[in-house]
Amino acid sequence: MLEEQRPCPEVLQQLASVQSALRGVTKEVLRNYLENCATEAIRSGDNEIYDQLMDAIYKFAK
């Protein structure tokens, strides 16, 4: 779009769409992480998972 010198509002709209799509994918991956990896780690007594969870939540909760 930039090479085609499309209008700035069109480029910004496309960027907003991509960001929204990435947020959706991130949400799904985080959910899978919680349902599978984190749950299994908690059940097995791995207390490091809590720090990992907090890091993931803070990273993506902006």
PDB file of N, CA and C in Angstrom:
ATOM      1  N   MET A   1       0.820  -1.194   0.000  1.00  0.00           N
ATOM      2  CA  MET A   1       0.000   0.000   0.000  1.00  0.00           C
ATOM      3  C   MET A   1       0.862   1.255   0.000  1.00  0.00           C
ATOM      4  N   LEU A   2       1.988   1.180   0.724  1.00  0.00           N
ATOM      5  CA  LEU A   2       2.870   2.345   0.758  1.00  0.00           C
ATOM      6  C   LEU A   2       3.532   2.566  -0.594  1.00  0.00           C
ATOM      7  N   GLU A   3       3.953   1.467  -1.219  1.00  0.00           N
ATOM      8  CA  GLU A   3       4.571   1.587  -2.543  1.00  0.00           C
ATOM      9  C   GLU A   3       3.581   2.126  -3.565  1.00  0.00           C
ATOM     10  N   GLU A   4       2.320   1.800  -3.372  1.00  0.00           N
ATOM     11  CA  GLU A   4       1.275   2.294  -4.276  1.00  0.00           C
ATOM     12  C   GLU A   4       0.822   3.708  -3.912  1.00  0.00           C
ATOM     13  N   GLN A   5       1.403   4.247  -2.845  1.00  0.00           N
ATOM     14  CA  GLN A   5       1.070   5.587  -2.340  1.00  0.00           C
ATOM     15  C   GLN A   5      -0.428   5.734  -2.068  1.00  0.00           C
ATOM     16  N   ARG A   6      -0.957   4.711  -1.391  1.00  0.00           N
ATOM     17  CA  ARG A   6      -2.367   4.765  -0.999  1.00  0.00           C
ATOM     18  C   ARG A   6      -2.545   5.847   0.053  1.00  0.00           C
ATOM     19  N   PRO A   7      -3.733   6.387   0.175  1.00  0.00           N
ATOM     20  CA  PRO A   7      -3.993   7.437   1.181  1.00  0.00           C
ATOM     21  C   PRO A   7      -3.721   6.933   2.601  1.00  0.00           C
ATOM     22  N   CYS A   8      -3.209   7.823   3.424  1.00  0.00           N
ATOM     23  CA  CYS A   8      -2.869   7.464   4.806  1.00  0.00           C
ATOM     24  C   CYS A   8      -4.022   6.815   5.571  1.00  0.00           C
ATOM     25  N   PRO A   9      -5.256   7.318   5.480  1.00  0.00           N
ATOM     26  CA  PRO A   9      -6.342   6.675   6.222  1.00  0.00           C
ATOM     27  C   PRO A   9      -6.552   5.208   5.810  1.00  0.00           C
ATOM     28  N   GLU A  10      -6.342   4.881   4.546  1.00  0.00           N
ATOM     29  CA  GLU A  10      -6.473   3.492   4.103  1.00  0.00           C
ATOM     30  C   GLU A  10      -5.378   2.618   4.723  1.00  0.00           C
ATOM     31  N   VAL A  11      -4.164   3.135   4.757  1.00  0.00           N
ATOM     32  CA  VAL A  11      -3.049   2.395   5.350  1.00  0.00           C
ATOM     33  C   VAL A  11      -3.307   2.194   6.838  1.00  0.00           C
ATOM     34  N   LEU A  12      -3.748   3.237   7.515  1.00  0.00           N
ATOM     35  CA  LEU A  12      -4.032   3.140   8.949  1.00  0.00           C
ATOM     36  C   LEU A  12      -5.154   2.152   9.227  1.00  0.00           C
ATOM     37  N   GLN A  13      -6.168   2.133   8.384  1.00  0.00           N
ATOM     38  CA  GLN A  13      -7.264   1.181   8.558  1.00  0.00           C
ATOM     39  C   GLN A  13      -6.755  -0.243   8.404  1.00  0.00           C
ATOM     40  N   GLN A  14      -5.899  -0.462   7.428  1.00  0.00           N
ATOM     41  CA  GLN A  14      -5.328  -1.795   7.222  1.00  0.00           C
ATOM     42  C   GLN A  14      -4.480  -2.213   8.416  1.00  0.00           C
ATOM     43  N   LEU A  15      -3.686  -1.288   8.944  1.00  0.00           N
ATOM     44  CA  LEU A  15      -2.881  -1.582  10.126  1.00  0.00           C
ATOM     45  C   LEU A  15      -3.761  -1.928  11.326  1.00  0.00           C
ATOM     46  N   ALA A  16      -4.844  -1.197  11.499  1.00  0.00           N
ATOM     47  CA  ALA A  16      -5.770  -1.481  12.597  1.00  0.00           C
ATOM     48  C   ALA A  16      -6.377  -2.868  12.437  1.00  0.00           C
ATOM     49  N   SER A  17      -6.692  -3.244  11.217  1.00  0.00           N
ATOM     50  CA  SER A  17      -7.257  -4.566  10.961  1.00  0.00           C
ATOM     51  C   SER A  17      -6.261  -5.674  11.288  1.00  0.00           C
ATOM     52  N   VAL A  18      -5.028  -5.472  10.909  1.00  0.00           N
ATOM     53  CA  VAL A  18      -3.986  -6.468  11.189  1.00  0.00           C
ATOM     54  C   VAL A  18      -3.770  -6.589  12.697  1.00  0.00           C
ATOM     55  N   GLN A  19      -3.716  -5.466  13.387  1.00  0.00           N
ATOM     56  CA  GLN A  19      -3.538  -5.499  14.838  1.00  0.00           C
ATOM     57  C   GLN A  19      -4.690  -6.237  15.512  1.00  0.00           C
ATOM     58  N   SER A  20      -5.891  -6.006  15.055  1.00  0.00           N
ATOM     59  CA  SER A  20      -7.049  -6.692  15.613  1.00  0.00           C
ATOM     60  C   SER A  20      -6.961  -8.196  15.388  1.00  0.00           C
ATOM     61  N   ALA A  21      -6.554  -8.580  14.196  1.00  0.00           N
ATOM     62  CA  ALA A  21      -6.409 -10.002  13.892  1.00  0.00           C
ATOM     63  C   ALA A  21      -5.337 -10.638  14.770  1.00  0.00           C
ATOM     64  N   LEU A  22      -4.233  -9.949  14.970  1.00  0.00           N
ATOM     65  CA  LEU A  22      -3.171 -10.469  15.826  1.00  0.00           C
ATOM     66  C   LEU A  22      -3.623 -10.594  17.275  1.00  0.00           C
ATOM     67  N   ARG A  23      -4.414  -9.625  17.746  1.00  0.00           N
ATOM     68  CA  ARG A  23      -4.956  -9.726  19.110  1.00  0.00           C
ATOM     69  C   ARG A  23      -5.830 -10.966  19.246  1.00  0.00           C
ATOM     70  N   GLY A  24      -6.613 -11.251  18.214  1.00  0.00           N
ATOM     71  CA  GLY A  24      -7.463 -12.432  18.257  1.00  0.00           C
ATOM     72  C   GLY A  24      -6.656 -13.719  18.312  1.00  0.00           C
ATOM     73  N   VAL A  25      -5.603 -13.797  17.518  1.00  0.00           N
ATOM     74  CA  VAL A  25      -4.741 -14.983  17.527  1.00  0.00           C
ATOM     75  C   VAL A  25      -4.037 -15.103  18.872  1.00  0.00           C
ATOM     76  N   THR A  26      -3.534 -13.986  19.387  1.00  0.00           N
ATOM     77  CA  THR A  26      -2.863 -13.988  20.687  1.00  0.00           C
ATOM     78  C   THR A  26      -3.798 -14.491  21.772  1.00  0.00           C
ATOM     79  N   LYS A  27      -5.026 -14.045  21.734  1.00  0.00           N
ATOM     80  CA  LYS A  27      -6.020 -14.472  22.723  1.00  0.00           C
ATOM     81  C   LYS A  27      -6.238 -15.986  22.669  1.00  0.00           C
ATOM     82  N   GLU A  28      -6.321 -16.527  21.469  1.00  0.00           N
ATOM     83  CA  GLU A  28      -6.520 -17.977  21.315  1.00  0.00           C
ATOM     84  C   GLU A  28      -5.311 -18.765  21.816  1.00  0.00           C
ATOM     85  N   VAL A  29      -4.113 -18.292  21.487  1.00  0.00           N
ATOM     86  CA  VAL A  29      -2.907 -18.988  21.929  1.00  0.00           C
ATOM     87  C   VAL A  29      -2.780 -18.911  23.446  1.00  0.00           C
ATOM     88  N   LEU A  30      -3.075 -17.760  24.028  1.00  0.00           N
ATOM     89  CA  LEU A  30      -3.026 -17.612  25.479  1.00  0.00           C
ATOM     90  C   LEU A  30      -4.050 -18.519  26.148  1.00  0.00           C
ATOM     91  N   ARG A  31      -5.227 -18.600  25.577  1.00  0.00           N
ATOM     92  CA  ARG A  31      -6.256 -19.494  26.129  1.00  0.00           C
ATOM     93  C   ARG A  31      -5.782 -20.944  26.090  1.00  0.00           C
ATOM     94  N   ASN A  32      -5.200 -21.354  24.973  1.00  0.00           N
ATOM     95  CA  ASN A  32      -4.681 -22.711  24.852  1.00  0.00           C
ATOM     96  C   ASN A  32      -3.582 -22.957  25.879  1.00  0.00           C
ATOM     97  N   TYR A  33      -2.728 -21.970  26.057  1.00  0.00           N
ATOM     98  CA  TYR A  33      -1.653 -22.064  27.049  1.00  0.00           C
ATOM     99  C   TYR A  33      -2.233 -22.280  28.447  1.00  0.00           C
ATOM    100  N   LEU A  34      -3.254 -21.509  28.782  1.00  0.00           N
ATOM    101  CA  LEU A  34      -3.878 -21.643  30.097  1.00  0.00           C
ATOM    102  C   LEU A  34      -4.571 -22.992  30.264  1.00  0.00           C
ATOM    103  N   GLU A  35      -5.309 -23.399  29.245  1.00  0.00           N
ATOM    104  CA  GLU A  35      -6.078 -24.642  29.334  1.00  0.00           C
ATOM    105  C   GLU A  35      -5.202 -25.884  29.354  1.00  0.00           C
ATOM    106  N   ASN A  36      -4.073 -25.822  28.692  1.00  0.00           N
ATOM    107  CA  ASN A  36      -3.255 -27.028  28.562  1.00  0.00           C
ATOM    108  C   ASN A  36      -1.942 -26.938  29.332  1.00  0.00           C
ATOM    109  N   CYS A  37      -1.038 -26.130  28.869  1.00  0.00           N
ATOM    110  CA  CYS A  37       0.307 -26.072  29.454  1.00  0.00           C
ATOM    111  C   CYS A  37       0.287 -25.638  30.922  1.00  0.00           C
ATOM    112  N   ALA A  38      -0.371 -24.522  31.187  1.00  0.00           N
ATOM    113  CA  ALA A  38      -0.371 -23.989  32.553  1.00  0.00           C
ATOM    114  C   ALA A  38      -1.123 -24.916  33.502  1.00  0.00           C
ATOM    115  N   THR A  39      -2.250 -25.420  33.061  1.00  0.00           N
ATOM    116  CA  THR A  39      -3.028 -26.320  33.914  1.00  0.00           C
ATOM    117  C   THR A  39      -2.227 -27.559  34.276  1.00  0.00           C
ATOM    118  N   GLU A  40      -1.546 -28.134  33.308  1.00  0.00           N
ATOM    119  CA  GLU A  40      -0.727 -29.322  33.563  1.00  0.00           C
ATOM    120  C   GLU A  40       0.425 -28.998  34.504  1.00  0.00           C
ATOM    121  N   ALA A  41       1.055 -27.852  34.316  1.00  0.00           N
ATOM    122  CA  ALA A  41       2.163 -27.454  35.188  1.00  0.00           C
ATOM    123  C   ALA A  41       1.688 -27.253  36.626  1.00  0.00           C
ATOM    124  N   ILE A  42       0.536 -26.637  36.799  1.00  0.00           N
ATOM    125  CA  ILE A  42      -0.020 -26.433  38.139  1.00  0.00           C
ATOM    126  C   ILE A  42      -0.331 -27.777  38.786  1.00  0.00           C
ATOM    127  N   ARG A  43      -0.949 -28.669  38.035  1.00  0.00           N
ATOM    128  CA  ARG A  43      -1.275 -30.006  38.575  1.00  0.00           C
ATOM    129  C   ARG A  43      -0.022 -30.776  38.973  1.00  0.00           C
ATOM    130  N   SER A  44       1.058 -30.571  38.245  1.00  0.00           N
ATOM    131  CA  SER A  44       2.287 -31.317  38.552  1.00  0.00           C
ATOM    132  C   SER A  44       3.110 -30.634  39.646  1.00  0.00           C
ATOM    133  N   GLY A  45       2.646 -29.480  40.135  1.00  0.00           N
ATOM    134  CA  GLY A  45       3.326 -28.800  41.231  1.00  0.00           C
ATOM    135  C   GLY A  45       4.441 -27.866  40.799  1.00  0.00           C
ATOM    136  N   ASP A  46       4.491 -27.533  39.533  1.00  0.00           N
ATOM    137  CA  ASP A  46       5.521 -26.617  39.015  1.00  0.00           C
ATOM    138  C   ASP A  46       5.131 -25.180  39.341  1.00  0.00           C
ATOM    139  N   ASN A  47       5.715 -24.636  40.388  1.00  0.00           N
ATOM    140  CA  ASN A  47       5.356 -23.289  40.837  1.00  0.00           C
ATOM    141  C   ASN A  47       5.931 -22.187  39.954  1.00  0.00           C
ATOM    142  N   GLU A  48       6.887 -22.505  39.083  1.00  0.00           N
ATOM    143  CA  GLU A  48       7.433 -21.503  38.169  1.00  0.00           C
ATOM    144  C   GLU A  48       6.377 -21.025  37.166  1.00  0.00           C
ATOM    145  N   ILE A  49       5.344 -21.829  36.988  1.00  0.00           N
ATOM    146  CA  ILE A  49       4.303 -21.481  36.015  1.00  0.00           C
ATOM    147  C   ILE A  49       3.617 -20.178  36.390  1.00  0.00           C
ATOM    148  N   TYR A  50       3.548 -19.872  37.670  1.00  0.00           N
ATOM    149  CA  TYR A  50       2.868 -18.649  38.084  1.00  0.00           C
ATOM    150  C   TYR A  50       3.613 -17.413  37.572  1.00  0.00           C
ATOM    151  N   ASP A  51       4.936 -17.434  37.637  1.00  0.00           N
ATOM    152  CA  ASP A  51       5.716 -16.320  37.097  1.00  0.00           C
ATOM    153  C   ASP A  51       5.565 -16.246  35.584  1.00  0.00           C
ATOM    154  N   GLN A  52       5.564 -17.392  34.925  1.00  0.00           N
ATOM    155  CA  GLN A  52       5.385 -17.424  33.477  1.00  0.00           C
ATOM    156  C   GLN A  52       4.011 -16.881  33.083  1.00  0.00           C
ATOM    157  N   LEU A  53       2.997 -17.268  33.830  1.00  0.00           N
ATOM    158  CA  LEU A  53       1.646 -16.764  33.563  1.00  0.00           C
ATOM    159  C   LEU A  53       1.571 -15.261  33.745  1.00  0.00           C
ATOM    160  N   MET A  54       2.154 -14.767  34.816  1.00  0.00           N
ATOM    161  CA  MET A  54       2.122 -13.326  35.057  1.00  0.00           C
ATOM    162  C   MET A  54       2.842 -12.583  33.930  1.00  0.00           C
ATOM    163  N   ASP A  55       3.981 -13.102  33.494  1.00  0.00           N
ATOM    164  CA  ASP A  55       4.702 -12.479  32.380  1.00  0.00           C
ATOM    165  C   ASP A  55       3.841 -12.436  31.125  1.00  0.00           C
ATOM    166  N   ALA A  56       3.192 -13.550  30.821  1.00  0.00           N
ATOM    167  CA  ALA A  56       2.342 -13.619  29.616  1.00  0.00           C
ATOM    168  C   ALA A  56       1.167 -12.654  29.720  1.00  0.00           C
ATOM    169  N   ILE A  57       0.545 -12.611  30.880  1.00  0.00           N
ATOM    170  CA  ILE A  57      -0.620 -11.732  31.061  1.00  0.00           C
ATOM    171  C   ILE A  57      -0.210 -10.271  30.938  1.00  0.00           C
ATOM    172  N   TYR A  58       0.878  -9.886  31.622  1.00  0.00           N
ATOM    173  CA  TYR A  58       1.319  -8.482  31.538  1.00  0.00           C
ATOM    174  C   TYR A  58       1.771  -8.108  30.138  1.00  0.00           C
ATOM    175  N   LYS A  59       2.382  -9.049  29.439  1.00  0.00           N
ATOM    176  CA  LYS A  59       2.874  -8.767  28.094  1.00  0.00           C
ATOM    177  C   LYS A  59       1.734  -8.462  27.132  1.00  0.00           C
ATOM    178  N   PHE A  60       0.612  -9.163  27.291  1.00  0.00           N
ATOM    179  CA  PHE A  60      -0.459  -9.041  26.325  1.00  0.00           C
ATOM    180  C   PHE A  60      -1.676  -8.283  26.831  1.00  0.00           C
ATOM    181  N   ALA A  61      -1.644  -7.809  28.053  1.00  0.00           N
ATOM    182  CA  ALA A  61      -2.790  -7.089  28.606  1.00  0.00           C
ATOM    183  C   ALA A  61      -2.616  -5.581  28.501  1.00  0.00           C
ATOM    184  N   LYS A  62      -1.907  -5.143  27.502  1.00  0.00           N
ATOM    185  CA  LYS A  62      -1.673  -3.702  27.336  1.00  0.00           C
ATOM    186  C   LYS A  62      -2.790  -3.073  26.545  1.00  0.00           C
TER     187      LYS A  62
END
